N, C-alpha and C. Protein backbone atom coordinates (compact mmCIF):
# COMPACT_ATOMS: atom_id res chain seq x y z
N MET A 1 -4.64 -22.77 44.23
CA MET A 1 -4.03 -22.63 42.86
C MET A 1 -2.49 -22.35 43.14
N ALA A 2 -1.70 -22.85 42.50
CA ALA A 2 -0.20 -22.67 42.68
C ALA A 2 0.16 -21.53 41.74
N ARG A 3 1.24 -20.89 42.57
CA ARG A 3 1.94 -19.68 42.01
C ARG A 3 3.05 -20.05 41.14
N TYR A 4 2.98 -19.38 39.89
CA TYR A 4 3.99 -19.66 38.93
C TYR A 4 5.32 -18.87 39.25
N ILE A 5 6.46 -19.58 39.51
CA ILE A 5 7.79 -18.94 39.93
C ILE A 5 8.68 -18.99 38.88
N GLY A 6 8.29 -19.48 37.70
CA GLY A 6 9.28 -19.67 36.54
C GLY A 6 9.69 -18.49 35.93
N PRO A 7 10.34 -18.51 34.77
CA PRO A 7 10.70 -17.30 34.02
C PRO A 7 9.40 -16.64 33.34
N LYS A 8 9.34 -15.41 33.85
CA LYS A 8 8.04 -14.52 33.31
C LYS A 8 8.30 -14.04 31.96
N CYS A 9 9.59 -13.85 31.54
CA CYS A 9 9.81 -13.25 30.16
C CYS A 9 9.37 -14.21 29.26
N LYS A 10 9.68 -15.52 29.50
CA LYS A 10 9.37 -16.72 28.46
C LYS A 10 7.74 -16.61 28.26
N LEU A 11 6.94 -16.36 29.27
CA LEU A 11 5.52 -16.36 29.12
C LEU A 11 5.12 -15.19 28.20
N SER A 12 5.74 -14.18 28.37
CA SER A 12 5.40 -13.08 27.60
C SER A 12 5.75 -13.12 26.17
N ARG A 13 6.89 -13.67 25.84
CA ARG A 13 7.42 -13.94 24.66
C ARG A 13 6.52 -14.85 23.75
N ARG A 14 6.05 -15.85 24.67
CA ARG A 14 5.17 -16.83 23.94
C ARG A 14 3.96 -16.41 23.47
N GLU A 15 3.40 -15.42 24.31
CA GLU A 15 2.15 -14.77 23.95
C GLU A 15 2.39 -13.52 22.80
N GLY A 16 3.47 -13.11 22.78
CA GLY A 16 3.81 -11.98 21.76
C GLY A 16 3.41 -10.63 22.45
N THR A 17 3.09 -10.57 23.86
CA THR A 17 2.66 -9.35 24.13
C THR A 17 3.08 -9.19 25.75
N ASP A 18 3.29 -8.03 26.22
CA ASP A 18 3.81 -7.88 27.54
C ASP A 18 2.39 -8.11 28.66
N LEU A 19 2.76 -9.17 29.36
CA LEU A 19 1.75 -9.42 30.31
C LEU A 19 1.92 -8.90 31.66
N PHE A 20 2.78 -7.91 31.74
CA PHE A 20 2.86 -6.99 33.05
C PHE A 20 3.18 -7.73 34.10
N LEU A 21 3.99 -8.99 33.92
CA LEU A 21 4.42 -9.84 35.00
C LEU A 21 5.65 -9.32 35.78
N LYS A 22 6.44 -8.65 34.94
CA LYS A 22 7.74 -8.30 35.44
C LYS A 22 8.28 -6.89 35.09
N SER A 23 7.38 -6.11 34.43
CA SER A 23 7.68 -4.88 33.64
C SER A 23 7.25 -3.58 34.36
N ALA A 24 7.38 -3.80 35.69
CA ALA A 24 7.01 -2.46 36.64
C ALA A 24 8.23 -1.41 36.64
N ALA A 25 9.37 -1.69 36.71
CA ALA A 25 10.48 -0.83 36.56
C ALA A 25 10.92 -0.31 35.29
N ARG A 26 11.11 -1.35 34.48
CA ARG A 26 11.59 -0.88 33.04
C ARG A 26 10.72 -1.56 32.04
N PRO A 27 10.87 -1.13 30.84
CA PRO A 27 10.01 -1.72 29.66
C PRO A 27 10.59 -3.21 29.31
N LEU A 28 9.65 -3.96 28.98
CA LEU A 28 10.02 -5.39 28.73
C LEU A 28 10.83 -5.52 27.34
N GLU A 29 10.84 -4.64 26.40
CA GLU A 29 11.62 -4.62 25.41
C GLU A 29 13.08 -4.54 25.73
N SER A 30 13.36 -3.81 26.79
CA SER A 30 14.66 -3.94 27.10
C SER A 30 15.35 -5.18 27.85
N LYS A 31 14.34 -6.04 28.28
CA LYS A 31 14.69 -7.25 28.79
C LYS A 31 14.88 -8.37 28.02
N CYS A 32 13.96 -8.56 26.94
CA CYS A 32 13.86 -9.65 26.11
C CYS A 32 13.20 -9.22 24.65
N ASN A 33 13.44 -9.98 23.78
CA ASN A 33 12.96 -9.81 22.38
C ASN A 33 11.46 -10.35 22.42
N ILE A 34 10.62 -9.60 22.40
CA ILE A 34 9.13 -10.00 22.20
C ILE A 34 8.82 -10.67 21.00
N GLU A 35 9.35 -10.12 19.83
CA GLU A 35 9.02 -10.66 18.65
C GLU A 35 9.28 -12.23 18.50
N ARG A 36 10.16 -12.53 19.16
CA ARG A 36 10.77 -14.10 18.94
C ARG A 36 10.23 -14.91 20.00
N PRO A 37 9.49 -15.85 19.83
CA PRO A 37 9.08 -16.98 20.80
C PRO A 37 10.23 -17.52 21.52
N PRO A 38 10.07 -18.12 22.58
CA PRO A 38 11.11 -18.76 23.40
C PRO A 38 11.30 -20.17 22.73
N GLY A 39 12.60 -20.68 23.09
CA GLY A 39 13.03 -22.04 22.74
C GLY A 39 13.89 -22.05 21.42
N GLN A 40 14.58 -23.25 21.25
CA GLN A 40 15.55 -23.56 20.38
C GLN A 40 15.01 -23.21 18.88
N HIS A 41 13.80 -23.51 18.73
CA HIS A 41 13.18 -23.43 17.30
C HIS A 41 12.31 -22.29 17.32
N GLY A 42 12.45 -21.21 18.12
CA GLY A 42 11.61 -20.20 18.24
C GLY A 42 11.54 -19.05 17.12
N ALA A 43 12.80 -19.04 16.23
CA ALA A 43 13.03 -18.17 15.27
C ALA A 43 12.05 -18.55 14.05
N ARG A 44 11.69 -19.87 14.14
CA ARG A 44 10.77 -20.27 12.92
C ARG A 44 9.35 -19.99 13.45
N ARG A 45 8.63 -18.94 13.14
CA ARG A 45 7.13 -18.86 13.70
C ARG A 45 6.21 -19.61 12.73
N MET A 46 5.56 -20.63 13.21
CA MET A 46 4.60 -21.42 12.49
C MET A 46 3.30 -20.68 12.61
N ARG A 47 2.66 -20.93 11.38
CA ARG A 47 1.22 -20.49 11.32
C ARG A 47 0.36 -21.10 12.30
N THR A 48 -0.26 -20.36 13.01
CA THR A 48 -1.30 -20.85 14.06
C THR A 48 -2.60 -21.15 13.42
N THR A 49 -3.10 -22.42 13.82
CA THR A 49 -4.51 -22.74 13.33
C THR A 49 -5.69 -22.10 13.94
N ASP A 50 -6.91 -22.33 13.52
CA ASP A 50 -7.96 -21.77 14.16
C ASP A 50 -8.05 -22.40 15.53
N PHE A 51 -7.86 -23.59 15.75
CA PHE A 51 -8.00 -24.26 17.01
C PHE A 51 -6.70 -23.70 17.95
N GLY A 52 -5.75 -23.44 17.44
CA GLY A 52 -4.64 -22.83 18.27
C GLY A 52 -4.76 -21.29 18.76
N LEU A 53 -5.57 -20.81 17.99
CA LEU A 53 -6.07 -19.30 18.20
C LEU A 53 -7.07 -19.20 19.32
N GLN A 54 -7.93 -20.18 19.35
CA GLN A 54 -9.03 -20.47 20.17
C GLN A 54 -8.14 -20.66 21.60
N LEU A 55 -7.27 -21.69 21.54
CA LEU A 55 -6.57 -22.11 22.81
C LEU A 55 -5.77 -20.91 23.44
N ARG A 56 -5.11 -20.08 22.58
CA ARG A 56 -4.61 -18.85 23.01
C ARG A 56 -5.52 -17.76 23.71
N GLU A 57 -6.66 -17.59 23.18
CA GLU A 57 -7.67 -16.81 23.75
C GLU A 57 -8.12 -17.38 25.18
N LYS A 58 -8.13 -18.62 25.16
CA LYS A 58 -8.60 -19.44 26.36
C LYS A 58 -7.70 -19.11 27.61
N GLN A 59 -6.27 -19.18 27.17
CA GLN A 59 -5.41 -19.00 28.20
C GLN A 59 -5.49 -17.67 28.74
């Protein structure tokens, strides 16, 4: 299995919680805005469907 070496703050923002990938030294809230998902259109939070919730739980 490959190791993920990309932006870790982006993953935490996508999930909306701290995944503890990088937050050992200082809290994640001081590094990035958790409430807003990553990307150009991240400010518009779309309502997730039931299927989308199942996929997020599976991840």
